PDB file of N, CA and C in Angstrom:
ATOM      1  N   SER A   1      23.724   7.521 -15.766  1.00  0.00           N
ATOM      2  CA  SER A   1      22.572   8.430 -15.977  1.00  0.00           C
ATOM      3  C   SER A   1      21.917   8.573 -14.620  1.00  0.00           C
ATOM      4  N   PRO A   2      20.976   9.855 -14.582  1.00  0.00           N
ATOM      5  CA  PRO A   2      20.882  10.054 -12.617  1.00  0.00           C
ATOM      6  C   PRO A   2      19.610   9.705 -12.790  1.00  0.00           C
ATOM      7  N   VAL A   3      19.425   9.036 -11.241  1.00  0.00           N
ATOM      8  CA  VAL A   3      18.226   7.823 -10.786  1.00  0.00           C
ATOM      9  C   VAL A   3      16.814   9.177 -11.644  1.00  0.00           C
ATOM     10  N   GLU A   4      15.920   8.464 -11.490  1.00  0.00           N
ATOM     11  CA  GLU A   4      15.476   8.854 -11.904  1.00  0.00           C
ATOM     12  C   GLU A   4      13.978   9.168 -10.702  1.00  0.00           C
ATOM     13  N   GLU A   5      13.384  10.746 -10.436  1.00  0.00           N
ATOM     14  CA  GLU A   5      12.825  10.192  -9.140  1.00  0.00           C
ATOM     15  C   GLU A   5      11.380  10.052  -9.285  1.00  0.00           C
ATOM     16  N   LYS A   6      11.204   9.141  -8.452  1.00  0.00           N
ATOM     17  CA  LYS A   6      10.017   8.537  -8.308  1.00  0.00           C
ATOM     18  C   LYS A   6       8.315  10.085  -8.521  1.00  0.00           C
ATOM     19  N   SER A   7       7.674  10.003  -9.234  1.00  0.00           N
ATOM     20  CA  SER A   7       6.615  10.908  -9.303  1.00  0.00           C
ATOM     21  C   SER A   7       4.821  10.570  -9.226  1.00  0.00           C
ATOM     22  N   THR A   8       5.389   8.926  -9.238  1.00  0.00           N
ATOM     23  CA  THR A   8       3.776   8.795  -8.956  1.00  0.00           C
ATOM     24  C   THR A   8       3.825   7.833  -7.516  1.00  0.00           C
ATOM     25  N   PHE A   9       3.261   7.035  -6.460  1.00  0.00           N
ATOM     26  CA  PHE A   9       3.175   6.387  -5.835  1.00  0.00           C
ATOM     27  C   PHE A   9       1.948   5.853  -5.398  1.00  0.00           C
ATOM     28  N   THR A  10       1.846   4.246  -4.801  1.00  0.00           N
ATOM     29  CA  THR A  10       0.849   4.049  -4.295  1.00  0.00           C
ATOM     30  C   THR A  10       0.812   3.904  -3.097  1.00  0.00           C
ATOM     31  N   VAL A  11      -0.039   4.171  -1.804  1.00  0.00           N
ATOM     32  CA  VAL A  11      -0.351   3.993  -0.754  1.00  0.00           C
ATOM     33  C   VAL A  11      -0.564   3.169  -0.260  1.00  0.00           C
ATOM     34  N   VAL A  12      -0.504   2.008   0.608  1.00  0.00           N
ATOM     35  CA  VAL A  12      -0.307   0.443   0.948  1.00  0.00           C
ATOM     36  C   VAL A  12      -0.857   0.747   2.503  1.00  0.00           C
ATOM     37  N   LEU A  13      -2.398   0.213   3.212  1.00  0.00           N
ATOM     38  CA  LEU A  13      -1.976   0.233   4.363  1.00  0.00           C
ATOM     39  C   LEU A  13      -1.706  -0.807   4.607  1.00  0.00           C
ATOM     40  N   THR A  14      -0.599  -1.090   5.596  1.00  0.00           N
ATOM     41  CA  THR A  14      -0.340  -2.726   5.666  1.00  0.00           C
ATOM     42  C   THR A  14      -0.988  -3.324   6.613  1.00  0.00           C
ATOM     43  N   SER A  15      -1.367  -2.625   7.961  1.00  0.00           N
ATOM     44  CA  SER A  15      -1.546  -2.929   9.056  1.00  0.00           C
ATOM     45  C   SER A  15      -2.743  -1.227   9.646  1.00  0.00           C
ATOM     46  N   ALA A  16      -4.066  -1.267  10.155  1.00  0.00           N
ATOM     47  CA  ALA A  16      -4.403  -0.355  10.796  1.00  0.00           C
ATOM     48  C   ALA A  16      -4.353  -0.208  12.237  1.00  0.00           C
ATOM     49  N   GLY A  17      -4.133  -1.074  13.174  1.00  0.00           N
ATOM     50  CA  GLY A  17      -2.984  -0.588  13.858  1.00  0.00           C
ATOM     51  C   GLY A  17      -3.941  -1.956  14.893  1.00  0.00           C
ATOM     52  N   ALA A  18      -3.885  -0.957  16.536  1.00  0.00           N
ATOM     53  CA  ALA A  18      -5.292  -0.919  17.341  1.00  0.00           C
ATOM     54  C   ALA A  18      -6.655  -0.175  16.884  1.00  0.00           C
ATOM     55  N   THR A  19      -6.093   1.180  17.082  1.00  0.00           N
ATOM     56  CA  THR A  19      -6.963   1.828  16.793  1.00  0.00           C
ATOM     57  C   THR A  19      -8.466   2.364  15.145  1.00  0.00           C
ATOM     58  N   LYS A  20      -8.603   1.221  14.835  1.00  0.00           N
ATOM     59  CA  LYS A  20      -9.043   0.953  13.700  1.00  0.00           C
ATOM     60  C   LYS A  20     -10.434   2.192  13.198  1.00  0.00           C
ATOM     61  N   ILE A  21     -11.102   2.328  14.186  1.00  0.00           N
ATOM     62  CA  ILE A  21     -11.965   3.435  14.059  1.00  0.00           C
ATOM     63  C   ILE A  21     -12.037   4.720  13.764  1.00  0.00           C
ATOM     64  N   GLN A  22     -10.412   5.016  14.248  1.00  0.00           N
ATOM     65  CA  GLN A  22      -9.339   6.186  14.532  1.00  0.00           C
ATOM     66  C   GLN A  22      -9.641   6.437  12.619  1.00  0.00           C
ATOM     67  N   VAL A  23      -8.297   5.067  12.172  1.00  0.00           N
ATOM     68  CA  VAL A  23      -7.521   5.089  11.149  1.00  0.00           C
ATOM     69  C   VAL A  23      -9.110   4.935   9.906  1.00  0.00           C
ATOM     70  N   ILE A  24     -10.297   4.361  10.023  1.00  0.00           N
ATOM     71  CA  ILE A  24     -11.477   4.633   9.685  1.00  0.00           C
ATOM     72  C   ILE A  24     -11.482   5.988   9.421  1.00  0.00           C
ATOM     73  N   LYS A  25     -11.948   6.324  10.323  1.00  0.00           N
ATOM     74  CA  LYS A  25     -12.481   7.894  10.093  1.00  0.00           C
ATOM     75  C   LYS A  25     -11.314   8.796   9.174  1.00  0.00           C
ATOM     76  N   GLU A  26     -10.346   8.656   9.395  1.00  0.00           N
ATOM     77  CA  GLU A  26      -9.200   9.613   8.423  1.00  0.00           C
ATOM     78  C   GLU A  26      -9.097   9.264   7.354  1.00  0.00           C
ATOM     79  N   LEU A  27      -8.958   7.906   7.097  1.00  0.00           N
ATOM     80  CA  LEU A  27      -9.358   7.243   5.891  1.00  0.00           C
ATOM     81  C   LEU A  27     -10.212   8.195   4.893  1.00  0.00           C
ATOM     82  N   ARG A  28     -11.230   8.369   5.815  1.00  0.00           N
ATOM     83  CA  ARG A  28     -12.697   8.848   5.163  1.00  0.00           C
ATOM     84  C   ARG A  28     -12.769   9.741   5.003  1.00  0.00           C
ATOM     85  N   THR A  29     -11.591  10.821   5.291  1.00  0.00           N
ATOM     86  CA  THR A  29     -11.261  12.674   5.813  1.00  0.00           C
ATOM     87  C   THR A  29     -10.345  12.376   3.984  1.00  0.00           C
ATOM     88  N   LEU A  30      -9.847  12.041   3.971  1.00  0.00           N
ATOM     89  CA  LEU A  30      -8.618  11.604   3.104  1.00  0.00           C
ATOM     90  C   LEU A  30      -9.117  11.253   1.456  1.00  0.00           C
ATOM     91  N   THR A  31     -10.080  10.462   1.911  1.00  0.00           N
ATOM     92  CA  THR A  31     -10.689   9.893   0.335  1.00  0.00           C
ATOM     93  C   THR A  31     -12.199  10.033   0.526  1.00  0.00           C
ATOM     94  N   SER A  32     -12.686   9.755  -0.759  1.00  0.00           N
ATOM     95  CA  SER A  32     -14.266   9.894  -0.873  1.00  0.00           C
ATOM     96  C   SER A  32     -14.794   8.788  -0.326  1.00  0.00           C
ATOM     97  N   LEU A  33     -14.203   7.870   0.351  1.00  0.00           N
ATOM     98  CA  LEU A  33     -14.839   5.988   0.206  1.00  0.00           C
ATOM     99  C   LEU A  33     -15.726   6.677   1.425  1.00  0.00           C
ATOM    100  N   GLY A  34     -16.919   5.779   1.056  1.00  0.00           N
ATOM    101  CA  GLY A  34     -17.981   5.518   2.467  1.00  0.00           C
ATOM    102  C   GLY A  34     -17.005   5.082   3.397  1.00  0.00           C
ATOM    103  N   LEU A  35     -18.307   4.631   4.369  1.00  0.00           N
ATOM    104  CA  LEU A  35     -17.955   4.335   5.666  1.00  0.00           C
ATOM    105  C   LEU A  35     -17.586   2.257   5.817  1.00  0.00           C
ATOM    106  N   LYS A  36     -19.000   1.456   4.744  1.00  0.00           N
ATOM    107  CA  LYS A  36     -18.213   0.822   4.272  1.00  0.00           C
ATOM    108  C   LYS A  36     -16.967  -0.085   4.161  1.00  0.00           C
ATOM    109  N   GLU A  37     -17.175   0.824   2.920  1.00  0.00           N
ATOM    110  CA  GLU A  37     -15.634   0.910   2.275  1.00  0.00           C
ATOM    111  C   GLU A  37     -14.402   0.619   2.929  1.00  0.00           C
ATOM    112  N   ALA A  38     -14.742   2.068   3.728  1.00  0.00           N
ATOM    113  CA  ALA A  38     -13.310   2.395   4.528  1.00  0.00           C
ATOM    114  C   ALA A  38     -12.858   1.062   5.408  1.00  0.00           C
ATOM    115  N   LYS A  39     -14.174   0.478   5.693  1.00  0.00           N
ATOM    116  CA  LYS A  39     -13.901  -0.273   6.794  1.00  0.00           C
ATOM    117  C   LYS A  39     -13.563  -1.256   6.881  1.00  0.00           C
ATOM    118  N   ASP A  40     -14.057  -1.923   5.269  1.00  0.00           N
ATOM    119  CA  ASP A  40     -13.585  -3.259   4.338  1.00  0.00           C
ATOM    120  C   ASP A  40     -12.087  -2.924   4.050  1.00  0.00           C
ATOM    121  N   LEU A  41     -11.788  -1.844   3.449  1.00  0.00           N
ATOM    122  CA  LEU A  41     -10.914  -1.377   3.281  1.00  0.00           C
ATOM    123  C   LEU A  41      -9.330  -1.740   4.808  1.00  0.00           C
ATOM    124  N   VAL A  42      -9.725  -1.549   5.679  1.00  0.00           N
ATOM    125  CA  VAL A  42      -9.328  -1.463   6.943  1.00  0.00           C
ATOM    126  C   VAL A  42      -9.010  -3.050   7.299  1.00  0.00           C
ATOM    127  N   ASP A  43     -10.628  -3.806   7.292  1.00  0.00           N
ATOM    128  CA  ASP A  43     -10.580  -4.622   7.894  1.00  0.00           C
ATOM    129  C   ASP A  43      -9.396  -5.964   6.767  1.00  0.00           C
ATOM    130  N   GLY A  44      -9.639  -5.628   5.929  1.00  0.00           N
ATOM    131  CA  GLY A  44      -8.977  -6.103   4.880  1.00  0.00           C
ATOM    132  C   GLY A  44      -7.456  -6.440   4.429  1.00  0.00           C
ATOM    133  N   ALA A  45      -6.364  -5.038   5.475  1.00  0.00           N
ATOM    134  CA  ALA A  45      -5.424  -5.047   5.168  1.00  0.00           C
ATOM    135  C   ALA A  45      -4.173  -6.386   4.687  1.00  0.00           C
ATOM    136  N   PRO A  46      -3.556  -6.036   4.485  1.00  0.00           N
ATOM    137  CA  PRO A  46      -3.331  -4.776   3.531  1.00  0.00           C
ATOM    138  C   PRO A  46      -4.076  -4.955   2.015  1.00  0.00           C
ATOM    139  N   LYS A  47      -4.300  -3.265   2.171  1.00  0.00           N
ATOM    140  CA  LYS A  47      -4.899  -3.057   1.148  1.00  0.00           C
ATOM    141  C   LYS A  47      -4.218  -1.159   0.129  1.00  0.00           C
ATOM    142  N   THR A  48      -4.339  -1.450  -0.882  1.00  0.00           N
ATOM    143  CA  THR A  48      -3.969   0.172  -1.797  1.00  0.00           C
ATOM    144  C   THR A  48      -5.445   0.901  -1.472  1.00  0.00           C
ATOM    145  N   ILE A  49      -4.592   1.573  -0.698  1.00  0.00           N
ATOM    146  CA  ILE A  49      -5.245   3.315  -0.885  1.00  0.00           C
ATOM    147  C   ILE A  49      -5.490   4.138  -2.033  1.00  0.00           C
ATOM    148  N   LYS A  50      -4.620   4.662  -2.462  1.00  0.00           N
ATOM    149  CA  LYS A  50      -4.220   5.245  -3.387  1.00  0.00           C
ATOM    150  C   LYS A  50      -3.299   4.824  -4.383  1.00  0.00           C
ATOM    151  N   GLU A  51      -3.455   4.937  -5.601  1.00  0.00           N
ATOM    152  CA  GLU A  51      -2.748   4.385  -6.639  1.00  0.00           C
ATOM    153  C   GLU A  51      -2.421   5.833  -6.972  1.00  0.00           C
ATOM    154  N   ASN A  52      -1.058   6.173  -7.761  1.00  0.00           N
ATOM    155  CA  ASN A  52      -0.701   7.505  -8.572  1.00  0.00           C
ATOM    156  C   ASN A  52      -1.525   8.575  -7.889  1.00  0.00           C
ATOM    157  N   ALA A  53      -0.012   8.388  -7.223  1.00  0.00           N
ATOM    158  CA  ALA A  53      -0.329   9.824  -5.695  1.00  0.00           C
ATOM    159  C   ALA A  53       0.521  10.721  -6.028  1.00  0.00           C
ATOM    160  N   THR A  54       0.703  11.885  -6.331  1.00  0.00           N
ATOM    161  CA  THR A  54       1.677  12.507  -5.584  1.00  0.00           C
ATOM    162  C   THR A  54       2.536  11.759  -4.762  1.00  0.00           C
ATOM    163  N   LYS A  55       3.479  12.986  -4.555  1.00  0.00           N
ATOM    164  CA  LYS A  55       4.693  12.442  -3.874  1.00  0.00           C
ATOM    165  C   LYS A  55       3.968  13.006  -2.254  1.00  0.00           C
ATOM    166  N   GLU A  56       3.595  14.491  -2.425  1.00  0.00           N
ATOM    167  CA  GLU A  56       3.051  15.090  -1.753  1.00  0.00           C
ATOM    168  C   GLU A  56       2.032  14.422  -1.373  1.00  0.00           C
ATOM    169  N   GLU A  57       0.719  14.558  -1.931  1.00  0.00           N
ATOM    170  CA  GLU A  57      -0.109  13.279  -1.731  1.00  0.00           C
ATOM    171  C   GLU A  57      -0.065  11.984  -0.621  1.00  0.00           C
ATOM    172  N   ALA A  58       0.830  10.921  -1.289  1.00  0.00           N
ATOM    173  CA  ALA A  58       1.359  10.230  -0.560  1.00  0.00           C
ATOM    174  C   ALA A  58       1.645  10.521   0.945  1.00  0.00           C
ATOM    175  N   ASP A  59       2.697  11.076   0.726  1.00  0.00           N
ATOM    176  CA  ASP A  59       3.402  11.468   2.075  1.00  0.00           C
ATOM    177  C   ASP A  59       2.441  12.675   3.479  1.00  0.00           C
ATOM    178  N   LYS A  60       1.308  12.758   2.629  1.00  0.00           N
ATOM    179  CA  LYS A  60       0.680  13.931   3.767  1.00  0.00           C
ATOM    180  C   LYS A  60      -0.663  12.611   4.351  1.00  0.00           C
ATOM    181  N   MET A  61      -1.160  11.817   3.374  1.00  0.00           N
ATOM    182  CA  MET A  61      -2.168  10.232   3.828  1.00  0.00           C
ATOM    183  C   MET A  61      -0.762   9.383   4.865  1.00  0.00           C
ATOM    184  N   LYS A  62       0.258   8.995   3.923  1.00  0.00           N
ATOM    185  CA  LYS A  62       1.066   8.578   5.317  1.00  0.00           C
ATOM    186  C   LYS A  62       1.256   8.963   6.590  1.00  0.00           C
ATOM    187  N   LYS A  63       1.230  10.577   6.851  1.00  0.00           N
ATOM    188  CA  LYS A  63       1.296  11.130   7.485  1.00  0.00           C
ATOM    189  C   LYS A  63       0.508  11.153   8.933  1.00  0.00           C
ATOM    190  N   ALA A  64      -1.189  11.288   8.160  1.00  0.00           N
ATOM    191  CA  ALA A  64      -1.728  11.495   8.688  1.00  0.00           C
ATOM    192  C   ALA A  64      -2.194  10.327   9.463  1.00  0.00           C
ATOM    193  N   LEU A  65      -2.583   8.944   8.777  1.00  0.00           N
ATOM    194  CA  LEU A  65      -3.301   7.312   9.129  1.00  0.00           C
ATOM    195  C   LEU A  65      -1.730   7.392   9.760  1.00  0.00           C
ATOM    196  N   GLU A  66      -0.686   7.658   9.957  1.00  0.00           N
ATOM    197  CA  GLU A  66       0.039   6.627  11.148  1.00  0.00           C
ATOM    198  C   GLU A  66       0.165   7.332  11.944  1.00  0.00           C
ATOM    199  N   ALA A  67      -0.486   9.159  12.253  1.00  0.00           N
ATOM    200  CA  ALA A  67      -0.864   9.353  13.432  1.00  0.00           C
ATOM    201  C   ALA A  67      -2.289   8.811  14.429  1.00  0.00           C
ATOM    202  N   GLN A  68      -3.126   8.206  13.401  1.00  0.00           N
ATOM    203  CA  GLN A  68      -3.721   7.464  14.064  1.00  0.00           C
ATOM    204  C   GLN A  68      -3.431   5.961  14.702  1.00  0.00           C
ATOM    205  N   GLY A  69      -2.222   5.580  14.335  1.00  0.00           N
ATOM    206  CA  GLY A  69      -1.676   4.024  14.720  1.00  0.00           C
ATOM    207  C   GLY A  69      -1.378   3.534  12.991  1.00  0.00           C
ATOM    208  N   ALA A  70      -2.055   3.758  12.022  1.00  0.00           N
ATOM    209  CA  ALA A  70      -2.002   2.564  10.955  1.00  0.00           C
ATOM    210  C   ALA A  70      -0.489   1.974  10.601  1.00  0.00           C
ATOM    211  N   LYS A  71      -0.108   1.275   9.979  1.00  0.00           N
ATOM    212  CA  LYS A  71       1.288   1.376   9.530  1.00  0.00           C
ATOM    213  C   LYS A  71       1.063   1.259   8.094  1.00  0.00           C
ATOM    214  N   ILE A  72       1.895   2.411   7.007  1.00  0.00           N
ATOM    215  CA  ILE A  72       1.211   2.276   5.800  1.00  0.00           C
ATOM    216  C   ILE A  72       2.998   2.296   4.770  1.00  0.00           C
ATOM    217  N   GLU A  73       2.951   1.758   3.335  1.00  0.00           N
ATOM    218  CA  GLU A  73       4.318   1.715   2.638  1.00  0.00           C
ATOM    219  C   GLU A  73       3.750   2.520   0.980  1.00  0.00           C
ATOM    220  N   LEU A  74       4.876   3.177   1.005  1.00  0.00           N
ATOM    221  CA  LEU A  74       4.860   3.996  -0.142  1.00  0.00           C
ATOM    222  C   LEU A  74       5.208   3.087  -1.160  1.00  0.00           C
ATOM    223  N   LYS A  75       4.086   2.222  -2.151  1.00  0.00           N
ATOM    224  CA  LYS A  75       5.540   1.993  -3.218  1.00  0.00           C
ATOM    225  C   LYS A  75       5.742   2.797  -4.348  1.00  0.00           C
TER     226      LYS A  75
END
């Protein structure tokens, strides 16, 4: 039987890297998080950013956040 393509992904911030401020800014652009929530999430990494994201959404978030120095894992 063919391997089923995963249709939804969990986007996990494994590390915010050196430029936390930029990562927090980008997170707020990508999600509806407030400043405190975004900061707590970044400070508490590894943390889940989004569950049930489409492949497109997950890839977009990964690319955008990694451009700011974060490490992202898609599960």
